Structure formats: C-alpha cells, structure tokens
Amino acid sequence: MDAVHLDSRRLIVTDRRHTQAAPIYAETYARLGAEVEPLARAGQVVVMGGFLGSTEDGVTTTWGAAAPTSRRPSWARASGR
C-alpha cells in the first residue's frame, strides 16, 4: 500500500477556539483539494492525524473528541465522494 502522511495542521483551517475549534470549510476544502486530490488520484492513501487543525495564521488548534461528526472536515465530503 502506497501511503503518505500529511500534517492536518496545514490542511484543516479552524477558528481560534482551542479544544472546541470549528472548521472553516471553504478554506479547508480548498486546501484538501489542492493537496489530497492529486495524491488520491495517483493511488496514494493519505493519512492525517485527527482532531488537529490551525487558524488561518498557523496557530495549532484542536476540536474535542466529542465534536459531532458533522463538524469534522472530511475529504470524502469535500470531494463529493
């Protein structure tokens, strides 16, 4: 299996509420499309750590493990798959 690790802090953009951050979907999906889609199309499996993101200016944030799935960004959702 051809896998690649991507740092989710570079791809998941959130607001500033550390431990309860909410994704900023438009920017997150744009980044996921630019970084993940080419890798997926090339047959690579993309692995990212969970519950981590960053603000637009790069400050690391987390959303709680209890956050509803509907609040979590998803490559499948972003790509319409």
PDB file of N, CA and C in Angstrom:
ATOM      1  N   MET A   1       0.853  -1.176   0.000  1.00  0.00           N
ATOM      2  CA  MET A   1       0.000   0.000   0.000  1.00  0.00           C
ATOM      3  C   MET A   1       0.893   1.232   0.000  1.00  0.00           C
ATOM      4  N   ASP A   2       0.619   2.126  -0.897  1.00  0.00           N
ATOM      5  CA  ASP A   2       1.385   3.361  -1.011  1.00  0.00           C
ATOM      6  C   ASP A   2       0.680   4.438  -0.190  1.00  0.00           C
ATOM      7  N   ALA A   3       1.278   4.807   0.932  1.00  0.00           N
ATOM      8  CA  ALA A   3       0.648   5.786   1.831  1.00  0.00           C
ATOM      9  C   ALA A   3       1.574   6.974   2.036  1.00  0.00           C
ATOM     10  N   VAL A   4       0.958   8.104   2.322  1.00  0.00           N
ATOM     11  CA  VAL A   4       1.701   9.331   2.594  1.00  0.00           C
ATOM     12  C   VAL A   4       1.041  10.039   3.777  1.00  0.00           C
ATOM     13  N   HIS A   5       1.862  10.583   4.659  1.00  0.00           N
ATOM     14  CA  HIS A   5       1.341  11.333   5.801  1.00  0.00           C
ATOM     15  C   HIS A   5       1.342  12.819   5.463  1.00  0.00           C
ATOM     16  N   LEU A   6       0.223  13.471   5.753  1.00  0.00           N
ATOM     17  CA  LEU A   6       0.130  14.927   5.615  1.00  0.00           C
ATOM     18  C   LEU A   6      -0.213  15.508   6.983  1.00  0.00           C
ATOM     19  N   ASP A   7       0.407  16.607   7.319  1.00  0.00           N
ATOM     20  CA  ASP A   7       0.144  17.282   8.590  1.00  0.00           C
ATOM     21  C   ASP A   7      -1.199  18.001   8.490  1.00  0.00           C
ATOM     22  N   SER A   8      -2.171  17.548   9.267  1.00  0.00           N
ATOM     23  CA  SER A   8      -3.523  18.131   9.188  1.00  0.00           C
ATOM     24  C   SER A   8      -3.535  19.610   9.557  1.00  0.00           C
ATOM     25  N   ARG A   9      -2.544  20.066  10.297  1.00  0.00           N
ATOM     26  CA  ARG A   9      -2.495  21.490  10.647  1.00  0.00           C
ATOM     27  C   ARG A   9      -2.278  22.365   9.424  1.00  0.00           C
ATOM     28  N   ARG A  10      -1.716  21.800   8.359  1.00  0.00           N
ATOM     29  CA  ARG A  10      -1.550  22.555   7.110  1.00  0.00           C
ATOM     30  C   ARG A  10      -2.813  22.566   6.277  1.00  0.00           C
ATOM     31  N   LEU A  11      -3.746  21.646   6.552  1.00  0.00           N
ATOM     32  CA  LEU A  11      -4.902  21.465   5.684  1.00  0.00           C
ATOM     33  C   LEU A  11      -6.233  21.833   6.312  1.00  0.00           C
ATOM     34  N   ILE A  12      -6.377  21.622   7.606  1.00  0.00           N
ATOM     35  CA  ILE A  12      -7.648  21.882   8.293  1.00  0.00           C
ATOM     36  C   ILE A  12      -7.578  23.267   8.924  1.00  0.00           C
ATOM     37  N   VAL A  13      -8.358  24.192   8.411  1.00  0.00           N
ATOM     38  CA  VAL A  13      -8.360  25.573   8.901  1.00  0.00           C
ATOM     39  C   VAL A  13      -9.553  25.744   9.837  1.00  0.00           C
ATOM     40  N   THR A  14      -9.287  26.284  11.026  1.00  0.00           N
ATOM     41  CA  THR A  14     -10.336  26.436  12.037  1.00  0.00           C
ATOM     42  C   THR A  14     -10.376  27.860  12.582  1.00  0.00           C
ATOM     43  N   ASP A  15     -11.416  28.079  13.385  1.00  0.00           N
ATOM     44  CA  ASP A  15     -11.438  29.325  14.152  1.00  0.00           C
ATOM     45  C   ASP A  15     -10.453  29.164  15.316  1.00  0.00           C
ATOM     46  N   ARG A  16     -10.455  30.096  16.246  1.00  0.00           N
ATOM     47  CA  ARG A  16      -9.439  30.136  17.301  1.00  0.00           C
ATOM     48  C   ARG A  16      -9.833  29.451  18.607  1.00  0.00           C
ATOM     49  N   ARG A  17     -10.937  28.743  18.660  1.00  0.00           N
ATOM     50  CA  ARG A  17     -11.393  28.155  19.928  1.00  0.00           C
ATOM     51  C   ARG A  17     -10.674  26.836  20.211  1.00  0.00           C
ATOM     52  N   HIS A  18      -9.484  26.917  20.772  1.00  0.00           N
ATOM     53  CA  HIS A  18      -8.687  25.724  21.070  1.00  0.00           C
ATOM     54  C   HIS A  18      -9.495  24.769  21.944  1.00  0.00           C
ATOM     55  N   THR A  19      -9.462  23.515  21.618  1.00  0.00           N
ATOM     56  CA  THR A  19     -10.200  22.384  22.211  1.00  0.00           C
ATOM     57  C   THR A  19     -11.653  22.328  21.768  1.00  0.00           C
ATOM     58  N   GLN A  20     -12.140  23.360  21.106  1.00  0.00           N
ATOM     59  CA  GLN A  20     -13.516  23.378  20.607  1.00  0.00           C
ATOM     60  C   GLN A  20     -13.590  24.066  19.250  1.00  0.00           C
ATOM     61  N   ALA A  21     -12.495  24.029  18.513  1.00  0.00           N
ATOM     62  CA  ALA A  21     -12.428  24.763  17.250  1.00  0.00           C
ATOM     63  C   ALA A  21     -13.415  24.211  16.221  1.00  0.00           C
ATOM     64  N   ALA A  22     -13.940  25.114  15.443  1.00  0.00           N
ATOM     65  CA  ALA A  22     -14.848  24.745  14.347  1.00  0.00           C
ATOM     66  C   ALA A  22     -14.111  24.969  13.030  1.00  0.00           C
ATOM     67  N   PRO A  23     -14.266  24.042  12.090  1.00  0.00           N
ATOM     68  CA  PRO A  23     -13.582  24.205  10.815  1.00  0.00           C
ATOM     69  C   PRO A  23     -14.136  25.374   9.997  1.00  0.00           C
ATOM     70  N   ILE A  24     -13.272  25.992   9.242  1.00  0.00           N
ATOM     71  CA  ILE A  24     -13.666  26.969   8.241  1.00  0.00           C
ATOM     72  C   ILE A  24     -13.656  26.182   6.933  1.00  0.00           C
ATOM     73  N   TYR A  25     -14.843  25.709   6.556  1.00  0.00           N
ATOM     74  CA  TYR A  25     -14.968  24.712   5.497  1.00  0.00           C
ATOM     75  C   TYR A  25     -14.439  25.162   4.151  1.00  0.00           C
ATOM     76  N   ALA A  26     -14.743  26.359   3.708  1.00  0.00           N
ATOM     77  CA  ALA A  26     -14.326  26.782   2.366  1.00  0.00           C
ATOM     78  C   ALA A  26     -12.810  26.705   2.214  1.00  0.00           C
ATOM     79  N   GLU A  27     -12.089  27.250   3.172  1.00  0.00           N
ATOM     80  CA  GLU A  27     -10.620  27.233   3.102  1.00  0.00           C
ATOM     81  C   GLU A  27     -10.083  25.817   3.284  1.00  0.00           C
ATOM     82  N   THR A  28     -10.679  25.061   4.205  1.00  0.00           N
ATOM     83  CA  THR A  28     -10.248  23.681   4.437  1.00  0.00           C
ATOM     84  C   THR A  28     -10.425  22.845   3.180  1.00  0.00           C
ATOM     85  N   TYR A  29     -11.592  22.929   2.550  1.00  0.00           N
ATOM     86  CA  TYR A  29     -11.847  22.124   1.362  1.00  0.00           C
ATOM     87  C   TYR A  29     -10.956  22.550   0.192  1.00  0.00           C
ATOM     88  N   ALA A  30     -10.634  23.828   0.110  1.00  0.00           N
ATOM     89  CA  ALA A  30      -9.716  24.281  -0.939  1.00  0.00           C
ATOM     90  C   ALA A  30      -8.335  23.665  -0.729  1.00  0.00           C
ATOM     91  N   ARG A  31      -7.881  23.653   0.503  1.00  0.00           N
ATOM     92  CA  ARG A  31      -6.567  23.070   0.797  1.00  0.00           C
ATOM     93  C   ARG A  31      -6.570  21.559   0.594  1.00  0.00           C
ATOM     94  N   LEU A  32      -7.635  20.895   1.042  1.00  0.00           N
ATOM     95  CA  LEU A  32      -7.729  19.449   0.841  1.00  0.00           C
ATOM     96  C   LEU A  32      -7.705  19.113  -0.650  1.00  0.00           C
ATOM     97  N   GLY A  33      -8.440  19.888  -1.435  1.00  0.00           N
ATOM     98  CA  GLY A  33      -8.467  19.643  -2.870  1.00  0.00           C
ATOM     99  C   GLY A  33      -7.102  19.813  -3.516  1.00  0.00           C
ATOM    100  N   ALA A  34      -6.387  20.830  -3.100  1.00  0.00           N
ATOM    101  CA  ALA A  34      -5.082  21.108  -3.687  1.00  0.00           C
ATOM    102  C   ALA A  34      -4.027  20.079  -3.276  1.00  0.00           C
ATOM    103  N   GLU A  35      -4.100  19.589  -2.044  1.00  0.00           N
ATOM    104  CA  GLU A  35      -3.066  18.689  -1.530  1.00  0.00           C
ATOM    105  C   GLU A  35      -3.436  17.216  -1.640  1.00  0.00           C
ATOM    106  N   VAL A  36      -4.666  16.869  -1.282  1.00  0.00           N
ATOM    107  CA  VAL A  36      -5.057  15.472  -1.178  1.00  0.00           C
ATOM    108  C   VAL A  36      -5.488  14.890  -2.523  1.00  0.00           C
ATOM    109  N   GLU A  37      -6.254  15.635  -3.279  1.00  0.00           N
ATOM    110  CA  GLU A  37      -6.791  15.091  -4.527  1.00  0.00           C
ATOM    111  C   GLU A  37      -5.713  14.556  -5.463  1.00  0.00           C
ATOM    112  N   PRO A  38      -4.631  15.292  -5.714  1.00  0.00           N
ATOM    113  CA  PRO A  38      -3.614  14.737  -6.617  1.00  0.00           C
ATOM    114  C   PRO A  38      -2.998  13.434  -6.082  1.00  0.00           C
ATOM    115  N   LEU A  39      -2.814  13.357  -4.782  1.00  0.00           N
ATOM    116  CA  LEU A  39      -2.252  12.139  -4.193  1.00  0.00           C
ATOM    117  C   LEU A  39      -3.222  10.973  -4.323  1.00  0.00           C
ATOM    118  N   ALA A  40      -4.496  11.232  -4.036  1.00  0.00           N
ATOM    119  CA  ALA A  40      -5.512  10.179  -4.140  1.00  0.00           C
ATOM    120  C   ALA A  40      -5.639   9.698  -5.580  1.00  0.00           C
ATOM    121  N   ARG A  41      -5.617  10.611  -6.517  1.00  0.00           N
ATOM    122  CA  ARG A  41      -5.718  10.236  -7.935  1.00  0.00           C
ATOM    123  C   ARG A  41      -4.512   9.397  -8.368  1.00  0.00           C
ATOM    124  N   ALA A  42      -3.380   9.610  -7.718  1.00  0.00           N
ATOM    125  CA  ALA A  42      -2.168   8.841  -8.026  1.00  0.00           C
ATOM    126  C   ALA A  42      -2.155   7.490  -7.296  1.00  0.00           C
ATOM    127  N   GLY A  43      -3.227   7.214  -6.557  1.00  0.00           N
ATOM    128  CA  GLY A  43      -3.340   5.924  -5.890  1.00  0.00           C
ATOM    129  C   GLY A  43      -2.744   5.862  -4.500  1.00  0.00           C
ATOM    130  N   GLN A  44      -2.350   7.007  -3.960  1.00  0.00           N
ATOM    131  CA  GLN A  44      -1.783   7.008  -2.621  1.00  0.00           C
ATOM    132  C   GLN A  44      -2.888   7.106  -1.578  1.00  0.00           C
ATOM    133  N   VAL A  45      -2.648   6.480  -0.443  1.00  0.00           N
ATOM    134  CA  VAL A  45      -3.549   6.575   0.693  1.00  0.00           C
ATOM    135  C   VAL A  45      -3.018   7.697   1.578  1.00  0.00           C
ATOM    136  N   VAL A  46      -3.847   8.690   1.835  1.00  0.00           N
ATOM    137  CA  VAL A  46      -3.435   9.837   2.632  1.00  0.00           C
ATOM    138  C   VAL A  46      -3.811   9.595   4.087  1.00  0.00           C
ATOM    139  N   VAL A  47      -2.832   9.768   4.975  1.00  0.00           N
ATOM    140  CA  VAL A  47      -3.024   9.583   6.405  1.00  0.00           C
ATOM    141  C   VAL A  47      -2.773  10.920   7.090  1.00  0.00           C
ATOM    142  N   MET A  48      -3.731  11.329   7.935  1.00  0.00           N
ATOM    143  CA  MET A  48      -3.569  12.567   8.702  1.00  0.00           C
ATOM    144  C   MET A  48      -3.972  12.303  10.141  1.00  0.00           C
ATOM    145  N   GLY A  49      -3.317  12.989  11.068  1.00  0.00           N
ATOM    146  CA  GLY A  49      -3.702  12.904  12.469  1.00  0.00           C
ATOM    147  C   GLY A  49      -5.064  13.538  12.676  1.00  0.00           C
ATOM    148  N   GLY A  50      -5.773  13.053  13.675  1.00  0.00           N
ATOM    149  CA  GLY A  50      -7.118  13.556  13.925  1.00  0.00           C
ATOM    150  C   GLY A  50      -7.163  14.670  14.948  1.00  0.00           C
ATOM    151  N   PHE A  51      -8.217  15.424  14.896  1.00  0.00           N
ATOM    152  CA  PHE A  51      -8.554  16.451  15.883  1.00  0.00           C
ATOM    153  C   PHE A  51      -7.583  17.617  15.906  1.00  0.00           C
ATOM    154  N   LEU A  52      -6.742  17.775  14.879  1.00  0.00           N
ATOM    155  CA  LEU A  52      -5.811  18.897  14.812  1.00  0.00           C
ATOM    156  C   LEU A  52      -6.114  19.747  13.596  1.00  0.00           C
ATOM    157  N   GLY A  53      -5.941  21.024  13.765  1.00  0.00           N
ATOM    158  CA  GLY A  53      -6.052  21.979  12.682  1.00  0.00           C
ATOM    159  C   GLY A  53      -5.207  23.175  13.040  1.00  0.00           C
ATOM    160  N   SER A  54      -5.428  24.256  12.331  1.00  0.00           N
ATOM    161  CA  SER A  54      -4.766  25.505  12.696  1.00  0.00           C
ATOM    162  C   SER A  54      -5.601  26.672  12.198  1.00  0.00           C
ATOM    163  N   THR A  55      -5.348  27.799  12.802  1.00  0.00           N
ATOM    164  CA  THR A  55      -6.015  29.018  12.373  1.00  0.00           C
ATOM    165  C   THR A  55      -5.432  29.452  11.035  1.00  0.00           C
ATOM    166  N   GLU A  56      -6.040  30.432  10.408  1.00  0.00           N
ATOM    167  CA  GLU A  56      -5.548  30.901   9.119  1.00  0.00           C
ATOM    168  C   GLU A  56      -4.116  31.414   9.194  1.00  0.00           C
ATOM    169  N   ASP A  57      -3.699  31.864  10.400  1.00  0.00           N
ATOM    170  CA  ASP A  57      -2.322  32.335  10.544  1.00  0.00           C
ATOM    171  C   ASP A  57      -1.401  31.291  11.165  1.00  0.00           C
ATOM    172  N   GLY A  58      -1.834  30.018  11.209  1.00  0.00           N
ATOM    173  CA  GLY A  58      -0.945  28.926  11.576  1.00  0.00           C
ATOM    174  C   GLY A  58      -0.884  28.503  13.027  1.00  0.00           C
ATOM    175  N   VAL A  59      -1.736  29.051  13.888  1.00  0.00           N
ATOM    176  CA  VAL A  59      -1.739  28.654  15.292  1.00  0.00           C
ATOM    177  C   VAL A  59      -2.473  27.315  15.416  1.00  0.00           C
ATOM    178  N   THR A  60      -1.823  26.323  16.029  1.00  0.00           N
ATOM    179  CA  THR A  60      -2.421  24.994  16.167  1.00  0.00           C
ATOM    180  C   THR A  60      -3.674  25.047  17.028  1.00  0.00           C
ATOM    181  N   THR A  61      -4.714  24.340  16.577  1.00  0.00           N
ATOM    182  CA  THR A  61      -5.961  24.236  17.326  1.00  0.00           C
ATOM    183  C   THR A  61      -6.383  22.772  17.383  1.00  0.00           C
ATOM    184  N   THR A  62      -7.285  22.478  18.287  1.00  0.00           N
ATOM    185  CA  THR A  62      -7.879  21.145  18.358  1.00  0.00           C
ATOM    186  C   THR A  62      -9.372  21.298  18.499  1.00  0.00           C
ATOM    187  N   TRP A  63     -10.095  20.280  18.032  1.00  0.00           N
ATOM    188  CA  TRP A  63     -11.515  20.212  18.345  1.00  0.00           C
ATOM    189  C   TRP A  63     -11.667  18.978  19.193  1.00  0.00           C
ATOM    190  N   GLY A  64     -12.574  19.003  20.129  1.00  0.00           N
ATOM    191  CA  GLY A  64     -12.718  17.902  21.076  1.00  0.00           C
ATOM    192  C   GLY A  64     -13.139  16.607  20.410  1.00  0.00           C
ATOM    193  N   ALA A  65     -12.748  15.490  21.022  1.00  0.00           N
ATOM    194  CA  ALA A  65     -13.114  14.169  20.505  1.00  0.00           C
ATOM    195  C   ALA A  65     -14.624  13.989  20.497  1.00  0.00           C
ATOM    196  N   ALA A  66     -15.315  14.747  21.317  1.00  0.00           N
ATOM    197  CA  ALA A  66     -16.774  14.631  21.377  1.00  0.00           C
ATOM    198  C   ALA A  66     -17.468  15.484  20.324  1.00  0.00           C
ATOM    199  N   ALA A  67     -16.691  16.197  19.513  1.00  0.00           N
ATOM    200  CA  ALA A  67     -17.314  17.036  18.476  1.00  0.00           C
ATOM    201  C   ALA A  67     -18.121  16.159  17.537  1.00  0.00           C
ATOM    202  N   PRO A  68     -19.303  16.598  17.176  1.00  0.00           N
ATOM    203  CA  PRO A  68     -20.114  15.784  16.271  1.00  0.00           C
ATOM    204  C   PRO A  68     -19.423  15.583  14.929  1.00  0.00           C
ATOM    205  N   THR A  69     -19.617  14.437  14.345  1.00  0.00           N
ATOM    206  CA  THR A  69     -19.003  14.121  13.056  1.00  0.00           C
ATOM    207  C   THR A  69     -19.330  15.186  12.026  1.00  0.00           C
ATOM    208  N   SER A  70     -20.506  15.766  12.099  1.00  0.00           N
ATOM    209  CA  SER A  70     -20.907  16.774  11.120  1.00  0.00           C
ATOM    210  C   SER A  70     -20.026  18.019  11.176  1.00  0.00           C
ATOM    211  N   ARG A  71     -19.309  18.232  12.276  1.00  0.00           N
ATOM    212  CA  ARG A  71     -18.419  19.393  12.379  1.00  0.00           C
ATOM    213  C   ARG A  71     -17.020  19.076  11.882  1.00  0.00           C
ATOM    214  N   ARG A  72     -16.713  17.800  11.688  1.00  0.00           N
ATOM    215  CA  ARG A  72     -15.364  17.424  11.293  1.00  0.00           C
ATOM    216  C   ARG A  72     -15.217  17.489   9.783  1.00  0.00           C
ATOM    217  N   PRO A  73     -14.147  18.132   9.307  1.00  0.00           N
ATOM    218  CA  PRO A  73     -13.930  18.166   7.860  1.00  0.00           C
ATOM    219  C   PRO A  73     -13.676  16.764   7.339  1.00  0.00           C
ATOM    220  N   SER A  74     -14.065  16.513   6.138  1.00  0.00           N
ATOM    221  CA  SER A  74     -13.912  15.185   5.551  1.00  0.00           C
ATOM    222  C   SER A  74     -13.502  15.323   4.093  1.00  0.00           C
ATOM    223  N   TRP A  75     -12.453  14.603   3.695  1.00  0.00           N
ATOM    224  CA  TRP A  75     -12.062  14.639   2.305  1.00  0.00           C
ATOM    225  C   TRP A  75     -13.179  14.099   1.432  1.00  0.00           C
ATOM    226  N   ALA A  76     -13.849  13.040   1.887  1.00  0.00           N
ATOM    227  CA  ALA A  76     -14.943  12.482   1.102  1.00  0.00           C
ATOM    228  C   ALA A  76     -16.042  13.520   0.893  1.00  0.00           C
ATOM    229  N   ARG A  77     -16.355  14.264   1.940  1.00  0.00           N
ATOM    230  CA  ARG A  77     -17.369  15.304   1.823  1.00  0.00           C
ATOM    231  C   ARG A  77     -16.887  16.424   0.909  1.00  0.00           C
ATOM    232  N   ALA A  78     -15.613  16.784   1.031  1.00  0.00           N
ATOM    233  CA  ALA A  78     -15.060  17.874   0.228  1.00  0.00           C
ATOM    234  C   ALA A  78     -15.047  17.530  -1.251  1.00  0.00           C
ATOM    235  N   SER A  79     -14.785  16.264  -1.559  1.00  0.00           N
ATOM    236  CA  SER A  79     -14.669  15.868  -2.949  1.00  0.00           C
ATOM    237  C   SER A  79     -15.981  15.384  -3.547  1.00  0.00           C
ATOM    238  N   GLY A  80     -17.032  15.335  -2.720  1.00  0.00           N
ATOM    239  CA  GLY A  80     -18.329  14.879  -3.204  1.00  0.00           C
ATOM    240  C   GLY A  80     -18.402  13.375  -3.357  1.00  0.00           C
ATOM    241  N   ARG A  81     -17.492  12.648  -2.721  1.00  0.00           N
ATOM    242  CA  ARG A  81     -17.475  11.166  -2.805  1.00  0.00           C
ATOM    243  C   ARG A  81     -18.275  10.550  -1.712  1.00  0.00           C
TER     244      ARG A  81
END
